[in-house]
Amino acid sequence: MLPFSRVSVIGLGLIGSSIARAVRMSMPTARLVGHDADPAVRERARALDLCDDVTDTAGAAVNDADLVILCVPVGAIGAAAADIAADLPADAVVSDVGSSKADVAAAMTAALPDHAVIPAHPVAGTEQSGPDAGFASLFRGRWCILTPPADAPEVAVARLQAFWEGLGAQVERMDARHHDLILAVTSHLPHLIAYSIVGTASDLGSVTRSEVIKYSAGGFRDFTRIAASDPTMWRDVFLHNREAVLEVLGRFTEDLAALQRAIRWGDGDTLFDLFTRTRAIRRSVVEQGQDGAAPDFGRAHD
């Protein structure tokens, strides 16, 4: 039995279109309706046949749904929830896919106080965006973190967990603020560093932009990949998870200063100890199945 038979996806970018494709593949009998605020995206979604129906309004997309997933930037979550409130069935479960959760949960609950609101975060994605960028296997083997409020109906939480497991994800439940602290370490700070170092390289007066691109080594290539992520989404993430990000950024700044001292004073032991410890963490990431062990991050070699 399907956990939900009528699924609505609001926002048809990378994550929303991937959910649509995954539902089509894993739950083919579920009725799937989509909406995007951008008319061009709606037309592209129709051309790609992402959903059974792509509506011109959010209200029309949710009026008979039993699951609604808001796939919009976290800064737009409150407005998106308010936009569907009048048309949302009383028994529908409402979720999202945002990378920050405490502020999102508050915004969704304020807009939909009489509905089952269960925030979620599929920890998966690429630097690409738009409806063409999605793919059905995006969530397979990845984690989806649910952050249900204390009063969330257990039946609704269990149904949402079954939905994500049906798309191939591993599901974990945790407190929203704890989620925000963990993601500040594992996702938000790395993106902030990537944006910063790519910007620094671009701004260096003594190195031309063409030289930076021409002589990009593996590390810089990976930073530029991360820094190519959607700017609207990441602007909103940093503004809405600012407390956790600033806490982790403060700790990182202290650690960076310690490294600076080690380099200045030729303290090779400190550098070697850190690099050994962090190398073990990288190996643990591979062992947990969150990345491949292929050399050079799986890049093709002649």
Protein backbone atom coordinates (compact mmCIF):
# COMPACT_ATOMS: atom_id res chain seq x y z
CA MET A 1 0.00 0.00 0.00
CA LEU A 2 1.30 3.45 -0.92
CA PRO A 3 2.05 5.81 1.99
CA PHE A 4 0.40 8.59 -0.07
CA SER A 5 -1.72 8.27 -3.20
CA ARG A 6 -1.93 11.96 -4.23
CA VAL A 7 1.37 13.85 -4.07
CA SER A 8 1.83 17.54 -4.87
CA VAL A 9 5.25 19.08 -5.45
CA ILE A 10 5.51 22.87 -5.20
CA GLY A 11 8.72 24.02 -6.88
CA LEU A 12 10.11 22.00 -9.79
CA GLY A 13 13.83 22.71 -9.66
CA LEU A 14 16.55 20.14 -9.01
CA ILE A 15 15.01 18.63 -5.86
CA GLY A 16 11.35 18.98 -6.85
CA SER A 17 11.87 17.51 -10.30
CA SER A 18 13.96 14.69 -8.80
CA ILE A 19 11.12 13.88 -6.38
CA ALA A 20 8.69 13.86 -9.31
CA ARG A 21 10.92 11.51 -11.30
CA ALA A 22 11.50 9.25 -8.28
CA VAL A 23 7.76 9.06 -7.51
CA ARG A 24 7.06 8.20 -11.14
CA MET A 25 9.62 5.40 -10.97
CA SER A 26 8.96 4.02 -7.46
CA MET A 27 5.26 4.79 -6.97
CA PRO A 28 3.79 4.79 -10.47
CA THR A 29 0.17 4.54 -9.31
CA ALA A 30 0.38 7.71 -7.18
CA ARG A 31 -1.23 10.78 -8.74
CA LEU A 32 1.45 13.44 -9.07
CA VAL A 33 0.70 17.15 -9.46
CA GLY A 34 3.28 19.91 -9.69
CA HIS A 35 3.47 23.69 -9.65
CA ASP A 36 6.23 26.26 -9.99
CA ALA A 37 5.95 30.02 -9.63
CA ASP A 38 7.98 30.51 -12.83
CA PRO A 39 5.83 30.07 -15.98
CA ALA A 40 8.90 29.00 -17.98
CA VAL A 41 9.63 26.23 -15.48
CA ARG A 42 6.00 25.09 -15.63
CA GLU A 43 6.18 24.84 -19.40
CA ARG A 44 9.44 22.93 -19.25
CA ALA A 45 7.99 20.55 -16.64
CA ARG A 46 5.06 19.86 -18.97
CA ALA A 47 7.42 19.23 -21.87
CA LEU A 48 9.41 16.80 -19.73
CA ASP A 49 6.19 15.10 -18.56
CA LEU A 50 7.36 15.34 -14.97
CA CYS A 51 3.86 15.11 -13.46
CA ASP A 52 0.37 13.96 -14.29
CA ASP A 53 -0.60 17.62 -14.19
CA VAL A 54 1.31 20.90 -13.82
CA THR A 55 -1.01 23.64 -12.58
CA ASP A 56 -0.79 27.40 -13.00
CA THR A 57 -1.56 28.05 -9.33
CA ALA A 58 -0.29 26.44 -6.13
CA GLY A 59 -3.84 26.14 -4.79
CA ALA A 60 -4.95 24.07 -7.76
CA ALA A 61 -1.96 21.77 -7.25
CA VAL A 62 -2.88 20.87 -3.65
CA ASN A 63 -6.68 20.83 -3.55
CA ASP A 64 -6.94 17.03 -3.37
CA ALA A 65 -3.43 16.13 -2.17
CA ASP A 66 -2.64 13.91 0.81
CA LEU A 67 1.06 14.90 0.71
CA VAL A 68 2.41 18.32 -0.26
CA ILE A 69 6.16 18.92 -0.50
CA LEU A 70 7.36 22.51 -0.68
CA CYS A 71 10.54 22.53 -2.78
CA VAL A 72 11.29 26.25 -2.68
CA PRO A 73 14.19 28.22 -1.13
CA VAL A 74 13.89 28.35 2.66
CA GLY A 75 13.30 32.09 2.56
CA ALA A 76 10.14 31.48 0.53
CA ILE A 77 8.74 28.63 2.65
CA GLY A 78 6.41 30.77 4.75
CA ALA A 79 4.89 32.50 1.73
CA ALA A 80 4.54 29.19 -0.14
CA ALA A 81 2.76 27.60 2.82
CA ALA A 82 0.42 30.59 3.15
CA ASP A 83 -0.30 30.42 -0.59
CA ILE A 84 -1.75 26.90 -0.32
CA ALA A 85 -3.53 27.28 3.04
CA ALA A 86 -7.03 28.01 1.67
CA ASP A 87 -7.00 25.05 -0.75
CA LEU A 88 -5.24 22.44 1.37
CA PRO A 89 -7.31 19.40 2.45
CA ALA A 90 -7.65 19.12 6.21
CA ASP A 91 -5.95 15.73 6.36
CA ALA A 92 -3.01 16.53 4.08
CA VAL A 93 0.55 16.18 5.36
CA VAL A 94 2.80 19.13 4.48
CA SER A 95 6.57 18.84 4.28
CA ASP A 96 9.55 20.54 2.64
CA VAL A 97 13.12 19.86 1.55
CA GLY A 98 14.98 22.83 3.05
CA SER A 99 18.56 22.69 4.33
CA SER A 100 17.69 24.62 7.52
CA LYS A 101 14.87 23.44 9.73
CA ALA A 102 14.15 25.48 12.87
CA ASP A 103 13.10 28.68 11.06
CA VAL A 104 11.35 26.66 8.35
CA ALA A 105 9.32 24.70 10.89
CA ALA A 106 8.21 27.92 12.58
CA ALA A 107 7.21 29.52 9.26
CA MET A 108 5.28 26.48 8.06
CA THR A 109 3.49 26.00 11.37
CA ALA A 110 2.52 29.68 11.54
CA ALA A 111 1.02 29.53 8.04
CA LEU A 112 -0.68 26.14 8.55
CA PRO A 113 -1.55 25.88 12.26
CA ASP A 114 -4.28 23.27 11.74
CA HIS A 115 -2.34 20.86 9.54
CA ALA A 116 0.21 18.11 10.06
CA VAL A 117 3.48 19.88 9.27
CA ILE A 118 6.56 17.64 9.19
CA PRO A 119 9.74 19.35 7.97
CA ALA A 120 12.25 17.18 6.12
CA HIS A 121 15.66 17.52 4.53
CA PRO A 122 16.89 15.06 1.90
CA VAL A 123 20.67 15.41 2.19
CA ALA A 124 21.29 15.10 -1.53
CA GLY A 125 21.83 17.40 -4.46
CA THR A 126 24.20 18.68 -7.10
CA GLU A 127 25.45 22.10 -8.13
CA GLN A 128 22.94 22.09 -11.01
CA SER A 129 19.48 23.65 -10.87
CA GLY A 130 16.22 23.66 -12.80
CA PRO A 131 13.78 20.94 -13.92
CA ASP A 132 16.22 19.42 -16.42
CA ALA A 133 18.80 18.82 -13.66
CA GLY A 134 16.75 16.32 -11.65
CA PHE A 135 17.09 12.55 -11.75
CA ALA A 136 15.17 9.72 -10.14
CA SER A 137 18.11 8.15 -8.29
CA LEU A 138 19.19 11.35 -6.51
CA PHE A 139 17.96 10.15 -3.11
CA ARG A 140 18.97 6.52 -3.38
CA GLY A 141 21.26 5.56 -0.51
CA ARG A 142 21.25 9.14 0.84
CA TRP A 143 19.90 10.35 4.15
CA CYS A 144 16.61 12.17 4.58
CA ILE A 145 16.31 13.83 7.98
CA LEU A 146 12.82 14.38 9.42
CA THR A 147 12.41 17.01 12.14
CA PRO A 148 8.81 16.54 13.31
CA PRO A 149 7.51 18.86 16.05
CA ALA A 150 6.69 17.24 19.37
CA ASP A 151 2.96 17.26 18.67
CA ALA A 152 3.19 15.80 15.15
CA PRO A 153 0.90 12.78 14.69
CA GLU A 154 3.03 9.64 14.70
CA VAL A 155 0.96 8.11 11.92
CA ALA A 156 1.77 11.08 9.66
CA VAL A 157 5.47 10.94 10.53
CA ALA A 158 5.57 7.21 9.81
CA ARG A 159 3.85 7.73 6.45
CA LEU A 160 6.36 10.41 5.46
CA GLN A 161 9.22 8.15 6.52
CA ALA A 162 7.79 5.35 4.38
CA PHE A 163 7.49 7.77 1.45
CA TRP A 164 11.17 8.73 1.56
CA GLU A 165 12.26 5.14 2.09
CA GLY A 166 10.20 4.29 -1.00
CA LEU A 167 12.34 6.76 -2.96
CA GLY A 168 15.45 4.92 -1.79
CA ALA A 169 16.53 7.19 1.07
CA GLN A 170 17.67 6.25 4.55
CA VAL A 171 15.59 8.14 7.11
CA GLU A 172 16.68 9.65 10.42
CA ARG A 173 14.62 11.70 12.87
CA MET A 174 16.09 14.48 14.99
CA ASP A 175 15.41 17.81 16.66
CA ALA A 176 15.33 20.75 14.24
CA ARG A 177 18.00 22.80 16.03
CA HIS A 178 20.30 19.79 16.29
CA HIS A 179 19.84 19.27 12.55
CA ASP A 180 20.77 22.88 11.89
CA LEU A 181 24.01 22.58 13.88
CA ILE A 182 25.03 19.34 12.14
CA LEU A 183 24.31 20.75 8.68
CA ALA A 184 26.19 23.94 9.50
CA VAL A 185 29.28 21.72 9.89
CA THR A 186 28.72 19.23 7.07
CA SER A 187 27.16 21.44 4.39
CA HIS A 188 26.76 25.13 5.12
CA LEU A 189 30.32 25.95 6.23
CA PRO A 190 31.89 24.03 3.30
CA HIS A 191 29.71 26.01 0.89
CA LEU A 192 30.64 29.28 2.61
CA ILE A 193 34.34 28.42 2.34
CA ALA A 194 33.94 27.46 -1.32
CA TYR A 195 32.19 30.71 -2.20
CA SER A 196 34.84 32.64 -0.26
CA ILE A 197 37.95 30.99 -1.71
CA VAL A 198 36.68 31.14 -5.28
CA GLY A 199 35.88 34.82 -4.75
CA THR A 200 39.35 35.40 -3.27
CA ALA A 201 41.03 33.74 -6.25
CA SER A 202 38.93 35.82 -8.64
CA ASP A 203 39.81 39.05 -6.84
CA LEU A 204 43.58 38.54 -6.66
CA GLY A 205 45.10 41.38 -8.67
CA SER A 206 48.32 39.48 -9.37
CA VAL A 207 46.60 36.45 -10.91
CA THR A 208 44.39 36.85 -13.94
CA ARG A 209 41.06 35.07 -14.16
CA SER A 210 42.29 33.08 -17.17
CA GLU A 211 45.27 31.78 -15.18
CA VAL A 212 43.05 30.73 -12.28
CA ILE A 213 40.88 28.74 -14.67
CA LYS A 214 43.76 27.40 -16.78
CA TYR A 215 45.81 26.09 -13.86
CA SER A 216 42.98 24.87 -11.64
CA ALA A 217 44.16 21.92 -9.59
CA GLY A 218 41.85 19.28 -8.10
CA GLY A 219 41.10 21.21 -4.93
CA PHE A 220 40.14 24.39 -6.73
CA ARG A 221 38.02 22.43 -9.22
CA ASP A 222 36.04 20.97 -6.34
CA PHE A 223 35.61 24.38 -4.73
CA THR A 224 34.31 25.83 -8.00
CA ARG A 225 31.85 22.95 -8.32
CA ILE A 226 30.39 23.72 -4.88
CA ALA A 227 30.44 27.46 -5.54
CA ALA A 228 28.33 26.91 -8.66
CA SER A 229 25.31 26.06 -6.49
CA ASP A 230 22.12 28.11 -6.67
CA PRO A 231 22.81 31.58 -5.14
CA THR A 232 19.21 32.23 -4.04
CA MET A 233 19.01 28.94 -2.17
CA TRP A 234 22.31 29.47 -0.37
CA ARG A 235 21.65 33.10 0.46
CA ASP A 236 18.47 31.98 2.22
CA VAL A 237 20.20 29.07 3.98
CA PHE A 238 22.81 31.33 5.56
CA LEU A 239 20.25 33.94 6.61
CA HIS A 240 17.88 31.38 8.11
CA ASN A 241 20.52 29.25 9.84
CA ARG A 242 22.69 32.15 10.91
CA GLU A 243 23.08 31.19 14.59
CA ALA A 244 24.40 27.70 13.90
CA VAL A 245 26.55 28.88 10.99
CA LEU A 246 28.10 31.69 13.05
CA GLU A 247 28.80 29.27 15.92
CA VAL A 248 30.58 26.80 13.63
CA LEU A 249 32.30 29.59 11.69
CA GLY A 250 33.72 30.94 14.96
CA ARG A 251 35.20 27.55 15.81
CA PHE A 252 36.57 27.17 12.28
CA THR A 253 38.20 30.60 12.47
CA GLU A 254 39.98 29.60 15.70
CA ASP A 255 41.18 26.34 14.14
CA LEU A 256 42.35 28.19 11.03
CA ALA A 257 44.36 30.60 13.20
CA ALA A 258 46.03 27.61 14.88
CA LEU A 259 46.99 26.23 11.47
CA GLN A 260 48.32 29.62 10.48
CA ARG A 261 50.58 29.61 13.55
CA ALA A 262 51.77 26.07 12.79
CA ILE A 263 52.76 27.04 9.27
CA ARG A 264 54.45 30.26 10.40
CA TRP A 265 56.54 28.48 13.05
CA GLY A 266 57.29 25.40 10.95
CA ASP A 267 55.36 23.10 13.28
CA GLY A 268 55.21 20.07 11.03
CA ASP A 269 54.01 17.73 13.79
CA THR A 270 50.81 19.73 14.28
CA LEU A 271 50.14 19.76 10.54
CA PHE A 272 50.86 16.06 10.14
CA ASP A 273 48.64 15.11 13.10
CA LEU A 274 45.73 17.14 11.72
CA PHE A 275 46.10 15.78 8.19
CA THR A 276 46.26 12.21 9.51
CA ARG A 277 43.10 12.67 11.56
CA THR A 278 41.16 14.29 8.74
CA ARG A 279 42.29 11.65 6.26
CA ALA A 280 40.68 9.04 8.52
CA ILE A 281 37.43 11.03 8.48
CA ARG A 282 37.46 11.03 4.66
CA ARG A 283 37.87 7.25 4.70
CA SER A 284 34.91 6.97 7.07
CA VAL A 285 32.75 8.96 4.63
CA VAL A 286 33.59 6.44 1.90
CA GLU A 287 32.98 3.48 4.23
CA GLN A 288 29.54 4.88 5.10
CA GLY A 289 28.66 4.86 1.40
CA GLN A 290 28.37 8.64 1.13
CA ASP A 291 31.00 8.87 -1.62
CA GLY A 292 33.07 6.60 -3.83
CA ALA A 293 36.63 5.49 -3.24
CA ALA A 294 37.75 5.99 -6.85
CA PRO A 295 41.01 7.95 -7.15
CA ASP A 296 40.78 11.69 -7.81
CA PHE A 297 37.07 11.74 -6.89
CA GLY A 298 36.18 9.40 -9.75
CA ARG A 299 37.50 11.65 -12.50
CA ALA A 300 38.33 9.91 -15.75
CA HIS A 301 42.01 9.52 -16.57
CA ASP A 302 43.54 8.77 -19.95
